[in-house]
N, C-alpha and C. Protein backbone atom coordinates (compact mmCIF):
# COMPACT_ATOMS: atom_id res chain seq x y z
N MET A 1 42.36 0.73 -42.18
CA MET A 1 41.32 0.51 -41.18
C MET A 1 39.95 0.74 -41.82
N SER A 2 39.02 -0.23 -41.72
CA SER A 2 37.71 -0.06 -42.32
C SER A 2 36.86 0.85 -41.45
N ALA A 3 36.00 1.63 -42.11
CA ALA A 3 35.15 2.56 -41.39
C ALA A 3 33.85 1.89 -40.99
N SER A 4 33.26 2.36 -39.90
CA SER A 4 31.98 1.83 -39.44
C SER A 4 30.96 2.95 -39.38
N ILE A 5 29.70 2.58 -39.60
CA ILE A 5 28.60 3.53 -39.43
C ILE A 5 27.74 3.00 -38.30
N HIS A 6 27.70 3.74 -37.20
CA HIS A 6 26.91 3.34 -36.04
C HIS A 6 25.51 3.97 -36.15
N ILE A 7 24.50 3.12 -36.21
CA ILE A 7 23.12 3.58 -36.33
C ILE A 7 22.44 3.39 -34.97
N VAL A 8 22.07 4.51 -34.35
CA VAL A 8 21.48 4.46 -33.00
C VAL A 8 20.05 4.95 -33.10
N ASP A 9 19.09 4.03 -32.98
CA ASP A 9 17.67 4.40 -33.12
C ASP A 9 16.84 3.37 -32.39
N ASP A 10 15.82 3.81 -31.65
CA ASP A 10 14.98 2.85 -30.90
C ASP A 10 13.87 2.25 -31.75
N ASP A 11 13.76 2.63 -33.00
CA ASP A 11 12.79 2.04 -33.94
C ASP A 11 13.51 0.94 -34.72
N ALA A 12 13.17 -0.31 -34.38
CA ALA A 12 13.90 -1.45 -34.97
C ALA A 12 13.77 -1.50 -36.49
N ASP A 13 12.57 -1.24 -37.01
CA ASP A 13 12.37 -1.31 -38.47
C ASP A 13 13.20 -0.23 -39.17
N PHE A 14 13.17 0.98 -38.62
CA PHE A 14 13.94 2.08 -39.22
C PHE A 14 15.43 1.78 -39.16
N ARG A 15 15.85 1.31 -38.00
CA ARG A 15 17.28 0.97 -37.77
C ARG A 15 17.75 -0.10 -38.76
N ASP A 16 16.96 -1.15 -38.89
CA ASP A 16 17.35 -2.24 -39.80
C ASP A 16 17.31 -1.79 -41.26
N GLY A 17 16.37 -0.90 -41.57
CA GLY A 17 16.30 -0.38 -42.94
C GLY A 17 17.55 0.40 -43.30
N LEU A 18 18.01 1.22 -42.37
CA LEU A 18 19.24 1.99 -42.63
C LEU A 18 20.46 1.06 -42.74
N ALA A 19 20.48 0.04 -41.90
CA ALA A 19 21.61 -0.90 -41.96
C ALA A 19 21.64 -1.58 -43.33
N TRP A 20 20.47 -1.96 -43.83
CA TRP A 20 20.41 -2.59 -45.16
C TRP A 20 20.89 -1.62 -46.23
N LEU A 21 20.45 -0.36 -46.11
CA LEU A 21 20.84 0.66 -47.09
C LEU A 21 22.36 0.78 -47.15
N PHE A 22 23.00 0.89 -45.99
CA PHE A 22 24.45 1.10 -46.01
C PHE A 22 25.20 -0.18 -46.36
N ASP A 23 24.68 -1.33 -45.93
CA ASP A 23 25.30 -2.59 -46.35
C ASP A 23 25.27 -2.70 -47.87
N SER A 24 24.14 -2.30 -48.48
CA SER A 24 24.01 -2.40 -49.94
C SER A 24 24.95 -1.47 -50.67
N ARG A 25 25.43 -0.42 -49.97
CA ARG A 25 26.38 0.52 -50.58
C ARG A 25 27.83 0.17 -50.22
N GLY A 26 28.02 -0.99 -49.59
CA GLY A 26 29.38 -1.44 -49.29
C GLY A 26 29.97 -0.93 -48.00
N HIS A 27 29.13 -0.37 -47.12
CA HIS A 27 29.62 0.14 -45.83
C HIS A 27 29.31 -0.86 -44.72
N GLN A 28 30.13 -0.80 -43.68
CA GLN A 28 29.91 -1.64 -42.51
C GLN A 28 29.00 -0.89 -41.53
N ALA A 29 27.76 -1.40 -41.36
CA ALA A 29 26.80 -0.75 -40.47
C ALA A 29 26.65 -1.56 -39.18
N ILE A 30 26.65 -0.84 -38.05
CA ILE A 30 26.46 -1.47 -36.74
C ILE A 30 25.25 -0.79 -36.10
N THR A 31 24.27 -1.59 -35.65
CA THR A 31 23.04 -1.00 -35.11
C THR A 31 22.99 -1.11 -33.59
N TRP A 32 22.35 -0.08 -33.00
CA TRP A 32 22.19 -0.01 -31.55
C TRP A 32 20.76 0.40 -31.24
N PRO A 33 20.10 -0.27 -30.27
CA PRO A 33 18.69 0.06 -29.97
C PRO A 33 18.50 1.30 -29.12
N GLY A 34 19.58 1.86 -28.60
CA GLY A 34 19.45 3.06 -27.77
C GLY A 34 20.79 3.64 -27.41
N GLY A 35 20.74 4.85 -26.84
CA GLY A 35 21.97 5.55 -26.49
C GLY A 35 22.78 4.82 -25.43
N ASP A 36 22.09 4.21 -24.45
CA ASP A 36 22.81 3.53 -23.37
C ASP A 36 23.71 2.41 -23.89
N SER A 37 23.13 1.52 -24.70
CA SER A 37 23.91 0.39 -25.21
C SER A 37 25.02 0.86 -26.14
N PHE A 38 24.73 1.89 -26.93
CA PHE A 38 25.75 2.44 -27.82
C PHE A 38 26.93 2.99 -27.02
N LEU A 39 26.64 3.77 -26.00
CA LEU A 39 27.71 4.35 -25.19
C LEU A 39 28.52 3.27 -24.48
N ASP A 40 27.85 2.20 -24.03
CA ASP A 40 28.59 1.09 -23.43
C ASP A 40 29.58 0.50 -24.44
N GLY A 41 29.12 0.35 -25.70
CA GLY A 41 29.99 -0.17 -26.75
C GLY A 41 31.16 0.74 -27.03
N VAL A 42 30.90 2.06 -27.02
CA VAL A 42 31.97 3.03 -27.27
C VAL A 42 33.00 2.99 -26.14
N ARG A 43 32.50 2.95 -24.90
CA ARG A 43 33.43 2.92 -23.76
C ARG A 43 34.32 1.69 -23.81
N ALA A 44 33.78 0.59 -24.32
CA ALA A 44 34.53 -0.67 -24.35
C ALA A 44 35.74 -0.62 -25.27
N ILE A 45 35.71 0.27 -26.27
CA ILE A 45 36.84 0.33 -27.21
C ILE A 45 37.70 1.57 -27.00
N ALA A 46 37.26 2.49 -26.13
CA ALA A 46 38.04 3.73 -25.91
C ALA A 46 39.41 3.40 -25.35
N PRO A 47 40.46 4.16 -25.71
CA PRO A 47 40.45 5.29 -26.64
C PRO A 47 40.79 4.90 -28.08
N GLY A 48 40.72 3.62 -28.42
CA GLY A 48 41.04 3.19 -29.78
C GLY A 48 39.86 3.42 -30.70
N TRP A 49 39.55 4.68 -30.98
CA TRP A 49 38.32 5.05 -31.64
C TRP A 49 38.19 4.49 -33.04
N GLY A 50 39.29 4.46 -33.78
CA GLY A 50 39.19 4.03 -35.17
C GLY A 50 38.45 5.07 -36.01
N HIS A 51 37.87 4.59 -37.08
CA HIS A 51 37.29 5.45 -38.11
C HIS A 51 35.80 5.13 -38.20
N ALA A 52 34.95 6.07 -37.80
CA ALA A 52 33.51 5.78 -37.77
C ALA A 52 32.70 7.07 -37.83
N VAL A 53 31.42 6.88 -38.15
CA VAL A 53 30.44 7.97 -38.16
C VAL A 53 29.21 7.48 -37.39
N VAL A 54 28.52 8.40 -36.71
CA VAL A 54 27.35 8.04 -35.91
C VAL A 54 26.10 8.67 -36.51
N LEU A 55 25.07 7.84 -36.72
CA LEU A 55 23.73 8.33 -37.08
C LEU A 55 22.88 8.21 -35.84
N LEU A 56 22.39 9.33 -35.34
CA LEU A 56 21.77 9.36 -34.02
C LEU A 56 20.36 9.94 -34.10
N ASP A 57 19.37 9.12 -33.73
CA ASP A 57 18.00 9.61 -33.65
C ASP A 57 17.90 10.58 -32.48
N ILE A 58 17.25 11.69 -32.69
CA ILE A 58 17.26 12.71 -31.64
C ILE A 58 16.24 12.40 -30.53
N ARG A 59 15.16 11.69 -30.88
CA ARG A 59 14.12 11.44 -29.88
C ARG A 59 14.12 9.97 -29.52
N MET A 60 14.79 9.62 -28.43
CA MET A 60 14.86 8.24 -27.96
C MET A 60 14.62 8.23 -26.45
N GLU A 61 14.20 7.08 -25.96
CA GLU A 61 14.01 6.88 -24.52
C GLU A 61 14.82 5.66 -24.08
N PRO A 62 15.37 5.61 -22.87
CA PRO A 62 15.32 6.69 -21.88
C PRO A 62 16.38 7.77 -22.10
N LEU A 63 17.41 7.47 -22.90
CA LEU A 63 18.46 8.46 -23.13
C LEU A 63 18.25 9.09 -24.51
N SER A 64 18.06 10.39 -24.54
CA SER A 64 17.80 11.08 -25.81
C SER A 64 19.06 11.12 -26.67
N GLY A 65 18.85 11.44 -27.96
CA GLY A 65 20.00 11.58 -28.85
C GLY A 65 20.93 12.69 -28.41
N LEU A 66 20.35 13.81 -27.93
CA LEU A 66 21.19 14.92 -27.48
C LEU A 66 22.04 14.52 -26.28
N SER A 67 21.43 13.78 -25.33
CA SER A 67 22.19 13.35 -24.15
C SER A 67 23.28 12.36 -24.56
N THR A 68 22.96 11.50 -25.51
CA THR A 68 23.96 10.55 -26.01
C THR A 68 25.13 11.30 -26.65
N PHE A 69 24.80 12.33 -27.44
CA PHE A 69 25.83 13.13 -28.10
C PHE A 69 26.72 13.84 -27.07
N GLU A 70 26.10 14.39 -26.04
CA GLU A 70 26.89 15.08 -25.01
C GLU A 70 27.82 14.09 -24.29
N ALA A 71 27.34 12.86 -24.08
CA ALA A 71 28.20 11.85 -23.44
C ALA A 71 29.38 11.49 -24.35
N LEU A 72 29.13 11.42 -25.66
CA LEU A 72 30.22 11.16 -26.61
C LEU A 72 31.27 12.26 -26.54
N LYS A 73 30.80 13.51 -26.50
CA LYS A 73 31.72 14.64 -26.42
C LYS A 73 32.53 14.58 -25.13
N ALA A 74 31.87 14.21 -24.04
CA ALA A 74 32.57 14.14 -22.74
C ALA A 74 33.68 13.10 -22.77
N MET A 75 33.49 12.04 -23.60
CA MET A 75 34.52 11.01 -23.74
C MET A 75 35.60 11.42 -24.72
N ALA A 76 35.42 12.58 -25.37
CA ALA A 76 36.35 13.06 -26.41
C ALA A 76 36.37 12.12 -27.61
N CYS A 77 35.24 11.48 -27.85
CA CYS A 77 35.14 10.61 -29.04
C CYS A 77 35.11 11.49 -30.29
N PRO A 78 35.98 11.23 -31.28
CA PRO A 78 36.09 12.12 -32.43
C PRO A 78 35.12 11.82 -33.57
N TRP A 79 34.26 10.84 -33.43
CA TRP A 79 33.40 10.44 -34.55
C TRP A 79 32.41 11.54 -34.92
N PRO A 80 32.31 11.88 -36.20
CA PRO A 80 31.28 12.82 -36.63
C PRO A 80 29.89 12.23 -36.34
N THR A 81 28.99 13.09 -35.84
CA THR A 81 27.63 12.64 -35.50
C THR A 81 26.61 13.39 -36.35
N LEU A 82 25.75 12.62 -37.00
CA LEU A 82 24.71 13.19 -37.84
C LEU A 82 23.37 12.85 -37.20
N PHE A 83 22.59 13.87 -36.86
CA PHE A 83 21.29 13.64 -36.22
C PHE A 83 20.20 13.39 -37.26
N LEU A 84 19.33 12.45 -36.93
CA LEU A 84 18.12 12.19 -37.71
C LEU A 84 16.95 12.68 -36.87
N THR A 85 16.18 13.58 -37.43
CA THR A 85 15.19 14.27 -36.61
C THR A 85 13.84 14.39 -37.29
N GLY A 86 12.77 14.47 -36.47
CA GLY A 86 11.43 14.71 -36.99
C GLY A 86 11.15 16.20 -37.08
N HIS A 87 9.96 16.55 -37.57
CA HIS A 87 9.64 17.97 -37.77
C HIS A 87 9.76 18.78 -36.48
N GLY A 88 9.35 18.18 -35.35
CA GLY A 88 9.33 18.92 -34.10
C GLY A 88 10.67 19.06 -33.43
N ASP A 89 11.71 18.42 -34.02
CA ASP A 89 13.01 18.40 -33.36
C ASP A 89 14.07 19.21 -34.09
N VAL A 90 13.69 19.89 -35.15
CA VAL A 90 14.69 20.56 -35.99
C VAL A 90 15.48 21.58 -35.20
N SER A 91 14.81 22.37 -34.36
CA SER A 91 15.54 23.39 -33.61
C SER A 91 16.57 22.76 -32.69
N MET A 92 16.21 21.60 -32.11
CA MET A 92 17.18 20.90 -31.26
C MET A 92 18.37 20.41 -32.08
N ALA A 93 18.09 19.91 -33.29
CA ALA A 93 19.17 19.42 -34.15
C ALA A 93 20.09 20.56 -34.56
N VAL A 94 19.51 21.71 -34.86
CA VAL A 94 20.33 22.87 -35.23
C VAL A 94 21.24 23.26 -34.06
N THR A 95 20.68 23.23 -32.85
CA THR A 95 21.49 23.54 -31.67
C THR A 95 22.63 22.54 -31.52
N ALA A 96 22.33 21.26 -31.79
CA ALA A 96 23.36 20.23 -31.68
C ALA A 96 24.50 20.48 -32.67
N VAL A 97 24.16 20.89 -33.89
CA VAL A 97 25.18 21.20 -34.89
C VAL A 97 26.05 22.36 -34.43
N LYS A 98 25.39 23.36 -33.83
CA LYS A 98 26.17 24.49 -33.31
C LYS A 98 27.11 24.05 -32.18
N ASN A 99 26.74 22.95 -31.51
CA ASN A 99 27.56 22.45 -30.41
C ASN A 99 28.55 21.37 -30.86
N GLY A 100 28.69 21.19 -32.18
CA GLY A 100 29.74 20.29 -32.65
C GLY A 100 29.29 19.08 -33.43
N ALA A 101 27.97 18.85 -33.55
CA ALA A 101 27.52 17.73 -34.38
C ALA A 101 27.85 18.01 -35.84
N TRP A 102 28.00 16.95 -36.63
CA TRP A 102 28.39 17.12 -38.04
C TRP A 102 27.28 17.77 -38.85
N ASP A 103 26.05 17.26 -38.71
CA ASP A 103 24.93 17.75 -39.52
C ASP A 103 23.66 17.11 -39.00
N PHE A 104 22.52 17.45 -39.60
CA PHE A 104 21.28 16.77 -39.27
C PHE A 104 20.46 16.58 -40.54
N LEU A 105 19.56 15.64 -40.48
CA LEU A 105 18.71 15.35 -41.63
C LEU A 105 17.30 15.13 -41.10
N GLU A 106 16.35 15.81 -41.73
CA GLU A 106 14.97 15.74 -41.28
C GLU A 106 14.25 14.56 -41.94
N LYS A 107 13.55 13.78 -41.13
CA LYS A 107 12.76 12.65 -41.63
C LYS A 107 11.45 13.18 -42.24
N PRO A 108 10.93 12.58 -43.31
CA PRO A 108 11.59 11.53 -44.12
C PRO A 108 12.63 12.17 -45.04
N PHE A 109 13.63 11.38 -45.40
CA PHE A 109 14.69 11.91 -46.26
C PHE A 109 14.93 10.95 -47.42
N GLN A 110 15.59 11.45 -48.44
CA GLN A 110 15.95 10.60 -49.58
C GLN A 110 17.22 9.82 -49.23
N ASN A 111 17.21 8.55 -49.57
CA ASN A 111 18.36 7.71 -49.21
C ASN A 111 19.68 8.26 -49.76
N ASN A 112 19.64 8.74 -51.00
CA ASN A 112 20.89 9.24 -51.60
C ASN A 112 21.43 10.45 -50.85
N VAL A 113 20.52 11.28 -50.34
CA VAL A 113 20.95 12.45 -49.58
C VAL A 113 21.65 12.01 -48.30
N LEU A 114 21.04 11.02 -47.62
CA LEU A 114 21.65 10.51 -46.39
C LEU A 114 23.03 9.89 -46.67
N VAL A 115 23.10 9.06 -47.70
CA VAL A 115 24.37 8.40 -48.02
C VAL A 115 25.44 9.44 -48.36
N ASP A 116 25.06 10.45 -49.12
CA ASP A 116 26.03 11.50 -49.46
C ASP A 116 26.57 12.19 -48.20
N LYS A 117 25.67 12.53 -47.28
CA LYS A 117 26.10 13.20 -46.05
C LYS A 117 27.01 12.29 -45.21
N VAL A 118 26.65 11.02 -45.13
CA VAL A 118 27.45 10.08 -44.35
C VAL A 118 28.83 9.90 -44.98
N GLU A 119 28.88 9.80 -46.31
CA GLU A 119 30.18 9.61 -46.96
C GLU A 119 31.06 10.86 -46.81
N GLN A 120 30.45 12.03 -46.79
CA GLN A 120 31.22 13.25 -46.52
C GLN A 120 31.79 13.21 -45.09
N ALA A 121 30.96 12.75 -44.16
CA ALA A 121 31.42 12.65 -42.76
C ALA A 121 32.52 11.60 -42.62
N LEU A 122 32.40 10.49 -43.37
CA LEU A 122 33.44 9.46 -43.33
C LEU A 122 34.77 10.00 -43.83
N ALA A 123 34.71 10.80 -44.90
CA ALA A 123 35.94 11.39 -45.44
C ALA A 123 36.57 12.32 -44.40
N ALA A 124 35.74 13.10 -43.71
CA ALA A 124 36.26 14.00 -42.67
C ALA A 124 36.86 13.20 -41.52
N ALA A 125 36.19 12.09 -41.17
CA ALA A 125 36.70 11.25 -40.08
C ALA A 125 38.04 10.64 -40.45
N ALA A 126 38.19 10.21 -41.72
CA ALA A 126 39.45 9.62 -42.17
C ALA A 126 40.57 10.65 -42.09
N ALA A 127 40.27 11.88 -42.51
CA ALA A 127 41.28 12.94 -42.44
C ALA A 127 41.67 13.20 -40.99
N ARG A 128 40.69 13.14 -40.09
CA ARG A 128 40.98 13.38 -38.67
C ARG A 128 41.87 12.29 -38.11
N VAL A 129 41.62 11.03 -38.51
CA VAL A 129 42.45 9.92 -38.05
C VAL A 129 43.89 10.11 -38.53
N ASP A 130 44.04 10.51 -39.82
CA ASP A 130 45.38 10.74 -40.37
C ASP A 130 46.11 11.84 -39.59
N GLU A 131 45.38 12.90 -39.25
CA GLU A 131 45.98 14.01 -38.50
C GLU A 131 46.44 13.53 -37.13
N THR A 132 45.60 12.74 -36.47
CA THR A 132 45.94 12.24 -35.14
C THR A 132 47.17 11.36 -35.18
N GLN A 133 47.25 10.49 -36.20
CA GLN A 133 48.41 9.61 -36.33
C GLN A 133 49.67 10.40 -36.62
N GLU A 134 49.56 11.44 -37.45
CA GLU A 134 50.73 12.26 -37.78
C GLU A 134 51.21 13.01 -36.53
N ALA A 135 50.27 13.53 -35.75
CA ALA A 135 50.65 14.24 -34.52
C ALA A 135 51.35 13.28 -33.56
N ALA A 136 50.86 12.07 -33.43
CA ALA A 136 51.48 11.09 -32.53
C ALA A 136 52.88 10.74 -33.00
N ARG A 137 53.06 10.60 -34.34
CA ARG A 137 54.38 10.27 -34.88
C ARG A 137 55.37 11.40 -34.59
N LEU A 138 54.91 12.64 -34.76
CA LEU A 138 55.80 13.77 -34.50
C LEU A 138 56.18 13.87 -33.03
N ARG A 139 55.20 13.61 -32.14
CA ARG A 139 55.52 13.65 -30.69
C ARG A 139 56.57 12.60 -30.36
N GLN A 140 56.42 11.42 -30.96
CA GLN A 140 57.38 10.33 -30.70
C GLN A 140 58.75 10.71 -31.24
N ALA A 141 58.79 11.33 -32.42
CA ALA A 141 60.07 11.74 -33.00
C ALA A 141 60.73 12.82 -32.14
N LEU A 142 59.93 13.76 -31.64
CA LEU A 142 60.48 14.81 -30.77
C LEU A 142 61.09 14.21 -29.51
N ALA A 143 60.39 13.21 -28.96
CA ALA A 143 60.86 12.58 -27.72
C ALA A 143 62.18 11.85 -27.93
N SER A 144 62.49 11.50 -29.20
CA SER A 144 63.72 10.76 -29.49
C SER A 144 64.93 11.69 -29.67
N LEU A 145 64.69 13.00 -29.74
CA LEU A 145 65.80 13.94 -29.94
C LEU A 145 66.58 14.13 -28.65
N SER A 146 67.88 14.27 -28.78
CA SER A 146 68.73 14.53 -27.61
C SER A 146 68.55 15.98 -27.16
N PRO A 147 68.97 16.32 -25.93
CA PRO A 147 68.86 17.72 -25.48
C PRO A 147 69.54 18.69 -26.44
N ARG A 148 70.71 18.35 -26.96
CA ARG A 148 71.40 19.23 -27.89
C ARG A 148 70.62 19.34 -29.21
N GLU A 149 70.07 18.24 -29.68
CA GLU A 149 69.28 18.28 -30.92
C GLU A 149 68.05 19.17 -30.74
N LEU A 150 67.46 19.15 -29.55
CA LEU A 150 66.30 20.02 -29.29
C LEU A 150 66.71 21.49 -29.32
N GLU A 151 67.90 21.78 -28.81
CA GLU A 151 68.38 23.16 -28.86
C GLU A 151 68.58 23.60 -30.31
N VAL A 152 69.17 22.72 -31.11
CA VAL A 152 69.38 23.05 -32.52
C VAL A 152 68.04 23.19 -33.24
N LEU A 153 67.11 22.30 -32.91
CA LEU A 153 65.78 22.36 -33.53
C LEU A 153 65.11 23.70 -33.25
N ASP A 154 65.19 24.17 -32.00
CA ASP A 154 64.57 25.45 -31.67
C ASP A 154 65.19 26.59 -32.48
N GLU A 155 66.49 26.51 -32.72
CA GLU A 155 67.15 27.53 -33.54
C GLU A 155 66.71 27.42 -35.00
N LEU A 156 66.60 26.20 -35.48
CA LEU A 156 66.21 25.98 -36.88
C LEU A 156 64.82 26.54 -37.17
N ILE A 157 63.86 26.29 -36.26
CA ILE A 157 62.49 26.72 -36.55
C ILE A 157 62.32 28.23 -36.36
N GLN A 158 63.37 28.87 -35.82
CA GLN A 158 63.37 30.34 -35.80
C GLN A 158 63.99 30.91 -37.07
N GLY A 159 64.45 30.01 -37.95
CA GLY A 159 64.98 30.46 -39.22
C GLY A 159 66.44 30.83 -39.19
N HIS A 160 67.16 30.42 -38.14
CA HIS A 160 68.57 30.77 -38.05
C HIS A 160 69.44 29.89 -38.94
N TYR A 161 70.54 30.49 -39.45
CA TYR A 161 71.50 29.75 -40.27
C TYR A 161 72.46 28.97 -39.36
N ASN A 162 73.17 28.02 -39.98
CA ASN A 162 74.08 27.17 -39.21
C ASN A 162 75.10 27.98 -38.42
N LYS A 163 75.67 29.00 -39.06
CA LYS A 163 76.72 29.78 -38.36
C LYS A 163 76.13 30.50 -37.14
N THR A 164 74.92 31.05 -37.31
CA THR A 164 74.27 31.74 -36.19
C THR A 164 73.98 30.75 -35.06
N ILE A 165 73.47 29.57 -35.43
CA ILE A 165 73.18 28.54 -34.42
C ILE A 165 74.47 28.15 -33.69
N ALA A 166 75.54 27.99 -34.46
CA ALA A 166 76.83 27.62 -33.87
C ALA A 166 77.28 28.67 -32.85
N ASP A 167 77.11 29.96 -33.22
CA ASP A 167 77.49 31.04 -32.30
C ASP A 167 76.63 31.01 -31.05
N HIS A 168 75.30 30.83 -31.23
CA HIS A 168 74.38 30.83 -30.09
C HIS A 168 74.66 29.67 -29.12
N LEU A 169 75.02 28.50 -29.69
CA LEU A 169 75.17 27.30 -28.84
C LEU A 169 76.64 27.02 -28.51
N ASP A 170 77.52 27.87 -29.04
CA ASP A 170 78.96 27.72 -28.78
C ASP A 170 79.47 26.36 -29.23
N ILE A 171 79.08 26.00 -30.46
CA ILE A 171 79.57 24.77 -31.10
C ILE A 171 80.00 25.12 -32.51
N THR A 172 80.60 24.19 -33.22
CA THR A 172 81.08 24.48 -34.58
C THR A 172 79.93 24.32 -35.59
N PRO A 173 80.02 25.03 -36.71
CA PRO A 173 79.01 24.86 -37.77
C PRO A 173 78.92 23.40 -38.25
N ARG A 174 80.05 22.71 -38.25
CA ARG A 174 80.04 21.31 -38.68
C ARG A 174 79.19 20.46 -37.71
N THR A 175 79.30 20.77 -36.40
CA THR A 175 78.50 20.05 -35.42
C THR A 175 77.01 20.37 -35.59
N VAL A 176 76.73 21.63 -35.89
CA VAL A 176 75.34 22.01 -36.16
C VAL A 176 74.80 21.22 -37.35
N GLU A 177 75.63 21.11 -38.39
CA GLU A 177 75.19 20.37 -39.58
C GLU A 177 74.92 18.90 -39.24
N PHE A 178 75.76 18.33 -38.38
CA PHE A 178 75.56 16.94 -37.96
C PHE A 178 74.21 16.78 -37.23
N HIS A 179 73.95 17.68 -36.28
CA HIS A 179 72.68 17.61 -35.53
C HIS A 179 71.48 17.88 -36.46
N ARG A 180 71.67 18.80 -37.35
CA ARG A 180 70.61 19.15 -38.30
C ARG A 180 70.20 17.92 -39.13
N ALA A 181 71.20 17.18 -39.60
CA ALA A 181 70.91 15.99 -40.41
C ALA A 181 70.16 14.94 -39.58
N ASN A 182 70.59 14.77 -38.33
CA ASN A 182 69.90 13.80 -37.46
C ASN A 182 68.46 14.22 -37.20
N ILE A 183 68.26 15.52 -36.95
CA ILE A 183 66.90 16.02 -36.69
C ILE A 183 66.00 15.79 -37.90
N PHE A 184 66.49 16.12 -39.07
CA PHE A 184 65.68 15.96 -40.28
C PHE A 184 65.32 14.48 -40.50
N GLU A 185 66.28 13.61 -40.23
CA GLU A 185 66.02 12.18 -40.43
C GLU A 185 64.95 11.69 -39.43
N LYS A 186 65.11 12.05 -38.15
CA LYS A 186 64.16 11.58 -37.13
C LYS A 186 62.76 12.17 -37.34
N MET A 187 62.72 13.44 -37.77
CA MET A 187 61.42 14.10 -37.93
C MET A 187 60.83 13.85 -39.32
N ALA A 188 61.58 13.17 -40.18
CA ALA A 188 61.11 12.84 -41.54
C ALA A 188 60.75 14.10 -42.33
N VAL A 189 61.67 15.08 -42.32
CA VAL A 189 61.49 16.30 -43.10
C VAL A 189 62.75 16.52 -43.94
N THR A 190 62.64 17.42 -44.91
CA THR A 190 63.79 17.69 -45.78
C THR A 190 64.27 19.13 -45.68
N SER A 191 63.57 19.95 -44.88
CA SER A 191 63.99 21.35 -44.75
C SER A 191 63.50 21.91 -43.42
N ALA A 192 64.13 23.02 -43.00
CA ALA A 192 63.73 23.67 -41.77
C ALA A 192 62.32 24.26 -41.89
N VAL A 193 61.99 24.71 -43.10
CA VAL A 193 60.64 25.26 -43.32
C VAL A 193 59.58 24.19 -43.11
N GLU A 194 59.84 23.00 -43.69
CA GLU A 194 58.89 21.90 -43.51
C GLU A 194 58.80 21.50 -42.04
N LEU A 195 59.93 21.51 -41.36
CA LEU A 195 59.96 21.17 -39.94
C LEU A 195 59.10 22.16 -39.14
N ALA A 196 59.30 23.46 -39.38
CA ALA A 196 58.55 24.49 -38.67
C ALA A 196 57.06 24.39 -38.97
N HIS A 197 56.75 24.09 -40.23
CA HIS A 197 55.35 23.98 -40.63
C HIS A 197 54.67 22.83 -39.89
N LYS A 198 55.34 21.68 -39.85
CA LYS A 198 54.73 20.51 -39.20
C LYS A 198 54.55 20.73 -37.71
N LEU A 199 55.57 21.27 -37.05
CA LEU A 199 55.46 21.48 -35.61
C LEU A 199 54.40 22.54 -35.29
N GLY A 200 54.36 23.59 -36.10
CA GLY A 200 53.37 24.63 -35.86
C GLY A 200 51.95 24.15 -36.09
N ARG A 201 51.80 23.27 -37.07
CA ARG A 201 50.46 22.76 -37.41
C ARG A 201 49.83 22.04 -36.23
N PHE A 202 50.67 21.36 -35.43
CA PHE A 202 50.14 20.60 -34.31
C PHE A 202 50.47 21.26 -32.96
N GLY A 203 51.01 22.47 -33.00
CA GLY A 203 51.31 23.19 -31.77
C GLY A 203 52.29 22.45 -30.88
N LEU A 204 53.31 21.83 -31.49
CA LEU A 204 54.20 20.97 -30.73
C LEU A 204 55.45 21.68 -30.21
N ARG A 205 55.70 22.88 -30.66
CA ARG A 205 56.95 23.52 -30.21
C ARG A 205 56.77 25.02 -30.13
C-alpha cells in the first residue's frame, strides 16, 4: 500500500510548495485548503485509513489546525499528525504533541528537516498498519477455533504440559496433542510461548 502525505494549509503557495517538495522526493502528496475539506475527505474513506501522515497548519480559518486534529482523534484516525506553526503558536503546538500529535515544526524550517520528520512519521505509520493487520489476523484465527480448542489454548498459554491439560479437561494426551497441532496451525505459531506472546501483545486472551 503506498503512503500518502496530506498537506492541510490555507496558504495556497505554501501548500503547493510543500507538495512539490514531497513529489520531488518520490512521495505522494495530497493538498487540502482547509480543515473542513480535509475532514470530509477523511470521513469518505473511513475506516479504511491506509498508510498516511498529516501536515497540519495550526492557524487556519474557519477551522483551526487544533480543531481539525481533535476531529481526527474523535474519528480514531491513526495517521501521525505533524503541526506546522509560527512563532506565536509554539505553545499550542507543544500542547498538541502532549495530546497525541506526532511532532511540530516551527516556520520557517529547512526542507530536509521537514522531510526527515515526515519520513520518520511514515515509518511509524507503516508499523502501526502492520500491527493492526496482525491483530485482525489473530482475532480471525481465534474465531476459527472450536470450543475445545479454545479450552486447550487457555491451558497452553498458562504453560501447562499435555498431560496436565489432559487431566484438567478429562481427555487423553493424544487428543490434547491433536488439538495443539490444530491450534498452532490456525494461529500460525510454532510454540506455546510464541502463542502466549502474540495473544498477550494484543490483549486478546
